[in-house]
Amino acid sequence: MTDGRSQDWRQLPVAAARMHELATYFFTLGITNRVNEQELLTIANNDASKYMIVPSFDDLDDTVLETLAEGTCVQPEPQHFLASDGHTCDFDECSANNGGCSGECTNTIGSFYCSCPEGESLLADGVTCDPDECLVNNAGCEQGCINKPGAFACLCGNEFEVSGLTCDDFNECLDENGGCSHDCVDTSPGYRCECPTGMILGPDMETCELDSCANQVAPFVCSHNCTTPKIAVRWRTTISTLEAARQRRNPSVKRLEPLDWLYSNELGRTEVKVACTSPPT
């Protein structure tokens, strides 16, 4: 701001260049008709939008002040500062109570963020740093570990249950008998289903089925290996397979399997309880 001409106009360009090196933002204001407009333009670094001339000090009204404030921070508080774009006044949230951060606060334009030192993690509130016990020796947990506000919790796989820091075997047989139709035997880890005498486990390894070979009665005594028979039957135009043990008929056969023996009967009903995998001797 000046109300007259420079006394040492030869040094003005050097002084103006030095001012631009040190200043974040500049605006030149000439007051009264005694100022030299060329000097104002030199101080404004030849930018006509960066200087103004008013007739007198009385003309420093709100309009002039608003023009000056377009690129400056008018708030006197130290928590406001001019952003790097040269136009934005930003409030430094970190200047007041560290932004609420228990760790480090970093100011950004229009916002801020908190960060934590190594060995701590930021909680969901975005400001609180919590020591992550899981980072040190897994907090002593035998398997998994998860950090929680002010604490931690151990995790175990599906076949185990948490017992403090360790993982104990989970007895699946206590939960609906493990899905077994008959006997459930707990193992570590896991479990298995077993069947009483005369029954065998089905393909699902849970359901017990009748073992057709358990009690062979003459003349259906095999001299070789005994298996539950696979029986193909025709009903009108449909070919199906029968499972003797489950006493049910499966959907139509699309891909026949080779059979050692085929029992055929034109009657409406027949039973085949036992089949030999090798021809009888």
C-alpha atoms as a PDB file:
ATOM      1  CA  MET A   1       0.000   0.000   0.000  1.00  0.00           C
ATOM      2  CA  THR A   2       1.398   3.398  -0.949  1.00  0.00           C
ATOM      3  CA  ASP A   3       0.160   6.992  -1.205  1.00  0.00           C
ATOM      4  CA  GLY A   4       3.034   8.374  -3.237  1.00  0.00           C
ATOM      5  CA  ARG A   5       5.905   7.733  -5.584  1.00  0.00           C
ATOM      6  CA  SER A   6       9.042   5.755  -4.759  1.00  0.00           C
ATOM      7  CA  GLN A   7      12.068   7.777  -3.738  1.00  0.00           C
ATOM      8  CA  ASP A   8      14.455   5.134  -5.073  1.00  0.00           C
ATOM      9  CA  TRP A   9      12.618   4.013  -8.224  1.00  0.00           C
ATOM     10  CA  ARG A  10      15.776   2.475  -9.737  1.00  0.00           C
ATOM     11  CA  GLN A  11      15.817  -0.227  -7.021  1.00  0.00           C
ATOM     12  CA  LEU A  12      12.081  -0.845  -7.242  1.00  0.00           C
ATOM     13  CA  PRO A  13      12.223  -3.858  -9.653  1.00  0.00           C
ATOM     14  CA  VAL A  14      14.777  -5.640  -7.474  1.00  0.00           C
ATOM     15  CA  ALA A  15      12.803  -4.959  -4.298  1.00  0.00           C
ATOM     16  CA  ALA A  16       9.549  -6.093  -5.962  1.00  0.00           C
ATOM     17  CA  ALA A  17      11.134  -9.353  -7.176  1.00  0.00           C
ATOM     18  CA  ARG A  18      12.437 -10.060  -3.671  1.00  0.00           C
ATOM     19  CA  MET A  19       8.972  -9.426  -2.221  1.00  0.00           C
ATOM     20  CA  HIS A  20       7.427 -11.958  -4.602  1.00  0.00           C
ATOM     21  CA  GLU A  21       9.981 -14.561  -3.499  1.00  0.00           C
ATOM     22  CA  LEU A  22       8.997 -14.136   0.156  1.00  0.00           C
ATOM     23  CA  ALA A  23       5.256 -13.499  -0.127  1.00  0.00           C
ATOM     24  CA  THR A  24       2.578 -16.151  -0.442  1.00  0.00           C
ATOM     25  CA  TYR A  25       0.079 -13.675  -1.874  1.00  0.00           C
ATOM     26  CA  PHE A  26       0.366 -10.044  -2.893  1.00  0.00           C
ATOM     27  CA  PHE A  27      -1.889  -7.156  -3.907  1.00  0.00           C
ATOM     28  CA  THR A  28      -0.775  -3.560  -4.556  1.00  0.00           C
ATOM     29  CA  LEU A  29      -2.977  -0.624  -3.516  1.00  0.00           C
ATOM     30  CA  GLY A  30      -2.286   2.980  -4.521  1.00  0.00           C
ATOM     31  CA  ILE A  31      -4.010   5.810  -2.656  1.00  0.00           C
ATOM     32  CA  THR A  32      -4.416   9.379  -4.023  1.00  0.00           C
ATOM     33  CA  ASN A  33      -3.450  10.640  -7.446  1.00  0.00           C
ATOM     34  CA  ARG A  34       0.150  11.084  -6.367  1.00  0.00           C
ATOM     35  CA  VAL A  35       1.009   7.424  -7.008  1.00  0.00           C
ATOM     36  CA  ASN A  36       2.703   6.265 -10.186  1.00  0.00           C
ATOM     37  CA  GLU A  37       0.676   3.565 -11.885  1.00  0.00           C
ATOM     38  CA  GLN A  38       3.756   2.113 -13.619  1.00  0.00           C
ATOM     39  CA  GLU A  39       5.333   1.581 -10.199  1.00  0.00           C
ATOM     40  CA  LEU A  40       2.170  -0.172  -8.997  1.00  0.00           C
ATOM     41  CA  LEU A  41       2.232  -2.436 -12.070  1.00  0.00           C
ATOM     42  CA  THR A  42       5.905  -3.272 -11.416  1.00  0.00           C
ATOM     43  CA  ILE A  43       5.146  -4.155  -7.798  1.00  0.00           C
ATOM     44  CA  ALA A  44       2.194  -6.292  -9.028  1.00  0.00           C
ATOM     45  CA  ASN A  45       4.621  -8.224 -11.251  1.00  0.00           C
ATOM     46  CA  ASN A  46       2.946  -6.771 -14.376  1.00  0.00           C
ATOM     47  CA  ASP A  47      -0.401  -8.333 -13.415  1.00  0.00           C
ATOM     48  CA  ALA A  48      -3.109  -5.700 -13.843  1.00  0.00           C
ATOM     49  CA  SER A  49      -5.517  -7.718 -11.677  1.00  0.00           C
ATOM     50  CA  LYS A  50      -3.158  -7.435  -8.729  1.00  0.00           C
ATOM     51  CA  TYR A  51      -3.258  -3.668  -8.177  1.00  0.00           C
ATOM     52  CA  MET A  52      -5.853  -0.932  -7.600  1.00  0.00           C
ATOM     53  CA  ILE A  53      -5.909   2.859  -7.225  1.00  0.00           C
ATOM     54  CA  VAL A  54      -8.400   4.740  -5.023  1.00  0.00           C
ATOM     55  CA  PRO A  55      -8.702   8.549  -4.707  1.00  0.00           C
ATOM     56  CA  SER A  56      -8.286   8.724  -0.917  1.00  0.00           C
ATOM     57  CA  PHE A  57      -8.154   6.746   2.322  1.00  0.00           C
ATOM     58  CA  ASP A  58     -11.857   7.444   2.718  1.00  0.00           C
ATOM     59  CA  ASP A  59     -12.467   5.297  -0.339  1.00  0.00           C
ATOM     60  CA  LEU A  60     -11.219   2.168   1.407  1.00  0.00           C
ATOM     61  CA  ASP A  61     -14.759   0.874   1.693  1.00  0.00           C
ATOM     62  CA  ASP A  62     -16.101  -2.672   1.981  1.00  0.00           C
ATOM     63  CA  THR A  63     -15.919  -3.197  -1.788  1.00  0.00           C
ATOM     64  CA  VAL A  64     -12.169  -2.517  -1.787  1.00  0.00           C
ATOM     65  CA  LEU A  65     -11.617  -4.685   1.273  1.00  0.00           C
ATOM     66  CA  GLU A  66     -13.550  -7.561  -0.296  1.00  0.00           C
ATOM     67  CA  THR A  67     -11.340  -7.299  -3.389  1.00  0.00           C
ATOM     68  CA  LEU A  68      -8.257  -7.470  -1.198  1.00  0.00           C
ATOM     69  CA  ALA A  69      -9.656 -10.447   0.719  1.00  0.00           C
ATOM     70  CA  GLU A  70     -10.246 -12.584  -2.369  1.00  0.00           C
ATOM     71  CA  GLY A  71      -6.771 -14.051  -2.103  1.00  0.00           C
ATOM     72  CA  THR A  72      -5.942 -13.486   1.545  1.00  0.00           C
ATOM     73  CA  CYS A  73      -7.084 -14.844   4.882  1.00  0.00           C
ATOM     74  CA  VAL A  74      -8.900 -12.115   6.743  1.00  0.00           C
ATOM     75  CA  GLN A  75      -9.295 -14.115   9.958  1.00  0.00           C
ATOM     76  CA  PRO A  76      -6.677 -13.158  12.519  1.00  0.00           C
ATOM     77  CA  GLU A  77      -6.685 -16.561  14.243  1.00  0.00           C
ATOM     78  CA  PRO A  78      -3.488 -18.577  13.748  1.00  0.00           C
ATOM     79  CA  GLN A  79      -5.480 -21.727  12.865  1.00  0.00           C
ATOM     80  CA  HIS A  80      -6.390 -20.188   9.471  1.00  0.00           C
ATOM     81  CA  PHE A  81      -3.839 -20.123   6.696  1.00  0.00           C
ATOM     82  CA  LEU A  82      -3.676 -19.612   2.950  1.00  0.00           C
ATOM     83  CA  ALA A  83      -3.669 -22.847   0.982  1.00  0.00           C
ATOM     84  CA  SER A  84      -1.092 -23.579  -1.704  1.00  0.00           C
ATOM     85  CA  ASP A  85      -3.551 -22.555  -4.454  1.00  0.00           C
ATOM     86  CA  GLY A  86      -3.140 -18.930  -3.311  1.00  0.00           C
ATOM     87  CA  HIS A  87      -6.894 -18.419  -2.988  1.00  0.00           C
ATOM     88  CA  THR A  88      -8.310 -20.758  -0.362  1.00  0.00           C
ATOM     89  CA  CYS A  89      -8.380 -19.984   3.342  1.00  0.00           C
ATOM     90  CA  ASP A  90      -8.250 -23.252   5.249  1.00  0.00           C
ATOM     91  CA  PHE A  91      -8.961 -23.958   8.896  1.00  0.00           C
ATOM     92  CA  ASP A  92      -6.290 -26.097  10.510  1.00  0.00           C
ATOM     93  CA  GLU A  93      -8.297 -28.608  12.558  1.00  0.00           C
ATOM     94  CA  CYS A  94      -5.097 -29.996  14.027  1.00  0.00           C
ATOM     95  CA  SER A  95      -4.363 -26.661  15.739  1.00  0.00           C
ATOM     96  CA  ALA A  96      -7.192 -27.218  18.221  1.00  0.00           C
ATOM     97  CA  ASN A  97      -6.794 -30.178  20.574  1.00  0.00           C
ATOM     98  CA  ASN A  98      -4.787 -32.046  17.920  1.00  0.00           C
ATOM     99  CA  GLY A  99      -8.020 -32.506  15.961  1.00  0.00           C
ATOM    100  CA  GLY A 100      -9.170 -34.951  18.644  1.00  0.00           C
ATOM    101  CA  CYS A 101      -6.558 -37.447  17.476  1.00  0.00           C
ATOM    102  CA  SER A 102      -4.906 -39.543  20.143  1.00  0.00           C
ATOM    103  CA  GLY A 103      -2.014 -40.095  17.718  1.00  0.00           C
ATOM    104  CA  GLU A 104      -0.753 -37.856  14.928  1.00  0.00           C
ATOM    105  CA  CYS A 105      -3.011 -35.271  13.241  1.00  0.00           C
ATOM    106  CA  THR A 106      -2.418 -34.247   9.621  1.00  0.00           C
ATOM    107  CA  ASN A 107      -4.255 -31.253   8.204  1.00  0.00           C
ATOM    108  CA  THR A 108      -5.595 -31.279   4.637  1.00  0.00           C
ATOM    109  CA  ILE A 109      -7.504 -28.665   2.648  1.00  0.00           C
ATOM    110  CA  GLY A 110     -11.004 -28.708   4.090  1.00  0.00           C
ATOM    111  CA  SER A 111     -10.377 -31.674   6.370  1.00  0.00           C
ATOM    112  CA  PHE A 112      -7.807 -33.655   8.366  1.00  0.00           C
ATOM    113  CA  TYR A 113      -6.948 -37.244   9.269  1.00  0.00           C
ATOM    114  CA  CYS A 114      -5.481 -39.107  12.207  1.00  0.00           C
ATOM    115  CA  SER A 115      -2.725 -41.710  12.065  1.00  0.00           C
ATOM    116  CA  CYS A 116      -1.169 -44.006  14.622  1.00  0.00           C
ATOM    117  CA  PRO A 117       2.377 -45.051  15.452  1.00  0.00           C
ATOM    118  CA  GLU A 118       3.671 -48.509  14.616  1.00  0.00           C
ATOM    119  CA  GLY A 119       2.081 -51.210  16.750  1.00  0.00           C
ATOM    120  CA  GLU A 120      -1.224 -49.357  17.077  1.00  0.00           C
ATOM    121  CA  SER A 121      -4.291 -49.270  14.829  1.00  0.00           C
ATOM    122  CA  LEU A 122      -6.939 -46.605  14.246  1.00  0.00           C
ATOM    123  CA  LEU A 123     -10.356 -47.499  15.624  1.00  0.00           C
ATOM    124  CA  ALA A 124     -13.651 -47.028  13.791  1.00  0.00           C
ATOM    125  CA  ASP A 125     -14.153 -43.557  15.336  1.00  0.00           C
ATOM    126  CA  GLY A 126     -11.274 -42.332  13.150  1.00  0.00           C
ATOM    127  CA  VAL A 127      -9.442 -40.533  15.972  1.00  0.00           C
ATOM    128  CA  THR A 128      -8.486 -43.098  18.607  1.00  0.00           C
ATOM    129  CA  CYS A 129      -5.307 -45.161  18.409  1.00  0.00           C
ATOM    130  CA  ASP A 130      -5.499 -48.556  20.065  1.00  0.00           C
ATOM    131  CA  PRO A 131      -2.554 -50.848  20.742  1.00  0.00           C
ATOM    132  CA  ASP A 132      -2.881 -53.873  18.442  1.00  0.00           C
ATOM    133  CA  GLU A 133      -2.053 -56.776  20.740  1.00  0.00           C
ATOM    134  CA  CYS A 134      -2.323 -59.188  17.810  1.00  0.00           C
ATOM    135  CA  LEU A 135       0.827 -57.723  16.258  1.00  0.00           C
ATOM    136  CA  VAL A 136       3.000 -59.071  19.072  1.00  0.00           C
ATOM    137  CA  ASN A 137       3.275 -62.872  19.082  1.00  0.00           C
ATOM    138  CA  ASN A 138      -0.355 -63.129  17.941  1.00  0.00           C
ATOM    139  CA  ALA A 139      -1.303 -61.997  21.479  1.00  0.00           C
ATOM    140  CA  GLY A 140      -0.619 -65.586  22.585  1.00  0.00           C
ATOM    141  CA  CYS A 141      -3.590 -66.976  20.623  1.00  0.00           C
ATOM    142  CA  GLU A 142      -3.126 -70.526  19.352  1.00  0.00           C
ATOM    143  CA  GLN A 143      -4.814 -69.832  16.005  1.00  0.00           C
ATOM    144  CA  GLY A 144      -6.405 -66.539  14.886  1.00  0.00           C
ATOM    145  CA  CYS A 145      -6.394 -63.153  16.611  1.00  0.00           C
ATOM    146  CA  ILE A 146      -8.547 -60.042  16.048  1.00  0.00           C
ATOM    147  CA  ASN A 147      -7.931 -56.628  17.582  1.00  0.00           C
ATOM    148  CA  LYS A 148     -10.818 -54.880  19.368  1.00  0.00           C
ATOM    149  CA  PRO A 149     -11.113 -51.509  21.155  1.00  0.00           C
ATOM    150  CA  GLY A 150      -9.014 -51.844  24.271  1.00  0.00           C
ATOM    151  CA  ALA A 151      -8.804 -55.623  23.942  1.00  0.00           C
ATOM    152  CA  PHE A 152      -8.422 -58.540  21.553  1.00  0.00           C
ATOM    153  CA  ALA A 153     -10.090 -61.878  20.875  1.00  0.00           C
ATOM    154  CA  CYS A 154      -8.741 -65.265  19.840  1.00  0.00           C
ATOM    155  CA  LEU A 155     -10.317 -67.111  16.908  1.00  0.00           C
ATOM    156  CA  CYS A 156     -10.481 -70.827  16.143  1.00  0.00           C
ATOM    157  CA  GLY A 157     -11.342 -72.923  13.115  1.00  0.00           C
ATOM    158  CA  ASN A 158     -14.752 -74.517  12.582  1.00  0.00           C
ATOM    159  CA  GLU A 159     -13.731 -77.827  14.188  1.00  0.00           C
ATOM    160  CA  PHE A 160     -12.590 -76.114  17.397  1.00  0.00           C
ATOM    161  CA  GLU A 161     -13.984 -73.813  20.064  1.00  0.00           C
ATOM    162  CA  VAL A 162     -12.210 -70.955  21.843  1.00  0.00           C
ATOM    163  CA  SER A 163     -10.948 -71.663  25.339  1.00  0.00           C
ATOM    164  CA  GLY A 164      -9.022 -68.588  26.443  1.00  0.00           C
ATOM    165  CA  LEU A 165      -5.922 -68.485  24.271  1.00  0.00           C
ATOM    166  CA  THR A 166      -6.190 -72.080  23.083  1.00  0.00           C
ATOM    167  CA  CYS A 167      -8.488 -73.955  20.720  1.00  0.00           C
ATOM    168  CA  ASP A 168     -10.199 -77.028  22.116  1.00  0.00           C
ATOM    169  CA  ASP A 169     -11.776 -79.722  19.999  1.00  0.00           C
ATOM    170  CA  PHE A 170     -15.435 -79.043  19.251  1.00  0.00           C
ATOM    171  CA  ASN A 171     -17.687 -82.056  19.816  1.00  0.00           C
ATOM    172  CA  GLU A 172     -19.789 -82.044  16.635  1.00  0.00           C
ATOM    173  CA  CYS A 173     -21.810 -84.983  17.969  1.00  0.00           C
ATOM    174  CA  LEU A 174     -23.464 -82.640  20.483  1.00  0.00           C
ATOM    175  CA  ASP A 175     -24.964 -80.655  17.610  1.00  0.00           C
ATOM    176  CA  GLU A 176     -27.861 -82.738  16.228  1.00  0.00           C
ATOM    177  CA  ASN A 177     -25.772 -85.901  16.530  1.00  0.00           C
ATOM    178  CA  GLY A 178     -23.377 -84.544  13.872  1.00  0.00           C
ATOM    179  CA  GLY A 179     -26.024 -85.299  11.255  1.00  0.00           C
ATOM    180  CA  CYS A 180     -25.543 -89.060  11.745  1.00  0.00           C
ATOM    181  CA  SER A 181     -28.623 -91.239  11.466  1.00  0.00           C
ATOM    182  CA  HIS A 182     -27.306 -93.588  14.180  1.00  0.00           C
ATOM    183  CA  ASP A 183     -23.994 -93.456  16.099  1.00  0.00           C
ATOM    184  CA  CYS A 184     -21.741 -90.357  16.125  1.00  0.00           C
ATOM    185  CA  VAL A 185     -18.127 -90.699  17.300  1.00  0.00           C
ATOM    186  CA  ASP A 186     -16.195 -87.512  18.114  1.00  0.00           C
ATOM    187  CA  THR A 187     -12.572 -87.352  16.966  1.00  0.00           C
ATOM    188  CA  SER A 188      -9.941 -84.658  17.273  1.00  0.00           C
ATOM    189  CA  PRO A 189     -10.419 -82.880  14.999  1.00  0.00           C
ATOM    190  CA  GLY A 190     -13.696 -83.816  13.318  1.00  0.00           C
ATOM    191  CA  TYR A 191     -16.074 -86.740  13.829  1.00  0.00           C
ATOM    192  CA  ARG A 192     -17.392 -89.846  12.076  1.00  0.00           C
ATOM    193  CA  CYS A 193     -20.683 -91.679  11.777  1.00  0.00           C
ATOM    194  CA  GLU A 194     -20.969 -95.405  12.555  1.00  0.00           C
ATOM    195  CA  CYS A 195     -23.705 -97.967  12.020  1.00  0.00           C
ATOM    196  CA  PRO A 196     -24.955-100.915  14.082  1.00  0.00           C
ATOM    197  CA  THR A 197     -24.426-104.515  12.965  1.00  0.00           C
ATOM    198  CA  GLY A 198     -26.274-105.346   9.793  1.00  0.00           C
ATOM    199  CA  MET A 199     -26.093-101.797   8.405  1.00  0.00           C
ATOM    200  CA  ILE A 200     -23.502 -99.844   6.433  1.00  0.00           C
ATOM    201  CA  LEU A 201     -22.894 -96.146   5.762  1.00  0.00           C
ATOM    202  CA  GLY A 202     -24.460 -94.749   2.626  1.00  0.00           C
ATOM    203  CA  PRO A 203     -22.714 -92.460   0.112  1.00  0.00           C
ATOM    204  CA  ASP A 204     -23.370 -89.379   2.253  1.00  0.00           C
ATOM    205  CA  MET A 205     -21.294 -91.000   5.068  1.00  0.00           C
ATOM    206  CA  GLU A 206     -24.036 -90.068   7.534  1.00  0.00           C
ATOM    207  CA  THR A 207     -27.018 -92.319   6.802  1.00  0.00           C
ATOM    208  CA  CYS A 208     -27.000 -96.015   7.730  1.00  0.00           C
ATOM    209  CA  GLU A 209     -28.509 -98.453   5.209  1.00  0.00           C
ATOM    210  CA  LEU A 210     -29.390-102.115   5.395  1.00  0.00           C
ATOM    211  CA  ASP A 211     -26.413-104.362   4.591  1.00  0.00           C
ATOM    212  CA  SER A 212     -27.914-107.019   2.316  1.00  0.00           C
ATOM    213  CA  CYS A 213     -24.808-109.190   2.669  1.00  0.00           C
ATOM    214  CA  ALA A 214     -24.812-109.262   6.456  1.00  0.00           C
ATOM    215  CA  ASN A 215     -27.137-112.279   6.881  1.00  0.00           C
ATOM    216  CA  GLN A 216     -26.881-114.645   3.932  1.00  0.00           C
ATOM    217  CA  VAL A 217     -29.423-117.430   3.913  1.00  0.00           C
ATOM    218  CA  ALA A 218     -29.351-120.441   1.538  1.00  0.00           C
ATOM    219  CA  PRO A 219     -29.806-120.687  -1.338  1.00  0.00           C
ATOM    220  CA  PHE A 220     -28.568-117.063  -1.525  1.00  0.00           C
ATOM    221  CA  VAL A 221     -25.114-117.770  -0.103  1.00  0.00           C
ATOM    222  CA  CYS A 222     -22.281-116.413  -2.248  1.00  0.00           C
ATOM    223  CA  SER A 223     -19.122-118.418  -2.627  1.00  0.00           C
ATOM    224  CA  HIS A 224     -17.300-115.254  -3.607  1.00  0.00           C
ATOM    225  CA  ASN A 225     -17.616-111.596  -2.597  1.00  0.00           C
ATOM    226  CA  CYS A 226     -21.071-110.362  -1.710  1.00  0.00           C
ATOM    227  CA  THR A 227     -22.311-106.890  -2.566  1.00  0.00           C
ATOM    228  CA  THR A 228     -25.613-105.091  -2.560  1.00  0.00           C
ATOM    229  CA  PRO A 229     -26.964-105.779  -6.066  1.00  0.00           C
ATOM    230  CA  LYS A 230     -27.532-103.264  -8.785  1.00  0.00           C
ATOM    231  CA  ILE A 231     -30.779-104.179 -10.510  1.00  0.00           C
ATOM    232  CA  ALA A 232     -32.029-102.806 -13.810  1.00  0.00           C
ATOM    233  CA  VAL A 233     -35.752-103.085 -14.427  1.00  0.00           C
ATOM    234  CA  ARG A 234     -38.000-102.141 -17.318  1.00  0.00           C
ATOM    235  CA  TRP A 235     -41.444-100.738 -16.808  1.00  0.00           C
ATOM    236  CA  ARG A 236     -43.172-100.219 -20.114  1.00  0.00           C
ATOM    237  CA  THR A 237     -40.761 -97.899 -21.949  1.00  0.00           C
ATOM    238  CA  THR A 238     -38.754 -96.821 -18.897  1.00  0.00           C
ATOM    239  CA  ILE A 239     -35.522 -98.389 -17.674  1.00  0.00           C
ATOM    240  CA  SER A 240     -34.714 -97.673 -14.021  1.00  0.00           C
ATOM    241  CA  THR A 241     -32.325 -98.912 -11.367  1.00  0.00           C
ATOM    242  CA  LEU A 242     -33.455-100.273  -8.031  1.00  0.00           C
ATOM    243  CA  GLU A 243     -31.576 -99.958  -4.738  1.00  0.00           C
ATOM    244  CA  ALA A 244     -32.557-102.957  -2.691  1.00  0.00           C
ATOM    245  CA  ALA A 245     -31.194-101.525   0.554  1.00  0.00           C
ATOM    246  CA  ARG A 246     -33.129 -98.261   0.329  1.00  0.00           C
ATOM    247  CA  GLN A 247     -36.126 -99.907  -1.356  1.00  0.00           C
ATOM    248  CA  ARG A 248     -36.507 -97.139  -3.877  1.00  0.00           C
ATOM    249  CA  ARG A 249     -36.290 -96.627  -7.588  1.00  0.00           C
ATOM    250  CA  ASN A 250     -33.866 -94.133  -9.070  1.00  0.00           C
ATOM    251  CA  PRO A 251     -34.654 -91.962 -12.102  1.00  0.00           C
ATOM    252  CA  SER A 252     -34.438 -93.422 -15.585  1.00  0.00           C
ATOM    253  CA  VAL A 253     -31.067 -94.817 -16.565  1.00  0.00           C
ATOM    254  CA  LYS A 254     -29.267 -92.686 -19.105  1.00  0.00           C
ATOM    255  CA  ARG A 255     -25.946 -94.456 -18.888  1.00  0.00           C
ATOM    256  CA  LEU A 256     -26.119 -98.171 -18.160  1.00  0.00           C
ATOM    257  CA  GLU A 257     -23.373 -99.874 -16.153  1.00  0.00           C
ATOM    258  CA  PRO A 258     -22.127-103.376 -17.070  1.00  0.00           C
ATOM    259  CA  LEU A 259     -23.572-106.032 -14.776  1.00  0.00           C
ATOM    260  CA  ASP A 260     -22.132-109.414 -13.919  1.00  0.00           C
ATOM    261  CA  TRP A 261     -25.559-110.964 -13.833  1.00  0.00           C
ATOM    262  CA  LEU A 262     -28.946-109.788 -14.946  1.00  0.00           C
ATOM    263  CA  TYR A 263     -32.064-111.199 -13.286  1.00  0.00           C
ATOM    264  CA  SER A 264     -35.109-110.940 -15.508  1.00  0.00           C
ATOM    265  CA  ASN A 265     -38.690-111.659 -14.624  1.00  0.00           C
ATOM    266  CA  GLU A 266     -41.842-110.876 -16.556  1.00  0.00           C
ATOM    267  CA  LEU A 267     -43.965-110.942 -13.407  1.00  0.00           C
ATOM    268  CA  GLY A 268     -45.192-107.730 -11.900  1.00  0.00           C
ATOM    269  CA  ARG A 269     -43.214-108.211  -8.680  1.00  0.00           C
ATOM    270  CA  THR A 270     -39.990-109.953  -7.731  1.00  0.00           C
ATOM    271  CA  GLU A 271     -37.246-109.690  -5.118  1.00  0.00           C
ATOM    272  CA  VAL A 272     -33.487-110.028  -5.441  1.00  0.00           C
ATOM    273  CA  LYS A 273     -31.859-109.750  -2.020  1.00  0.00           C
ATOM    274  CA  VAL A 274     -28.328-110.935  -2.781  1.00  0.00           C
ATOM    275  CA  ALA A 275     -26.156-110.912  -5.896  1.00  0.00           C
ATOM    276  CA  CYS A 276     -22.729-112.490  -6.407  1.00  0.00           C
ATOM    277  CA  THR A 277     -20.010-110.535  -8.162  1.00  0.00           C
ATOM    278  CA  SER A 278     -18.635-113.729  -9.725  1.00  0.00           C
ATOM    279  CA  PRO A 279     -20.469-116.633 -11.381  1.00  0.00           C
ATOM    280  CA  PRO A 280     -21.387-119.376  -8.882  1.00  0.00           C
ATOM    281  CA  THR A 281     -19.273-122.528  -9.005  1.00  0.00           C
END
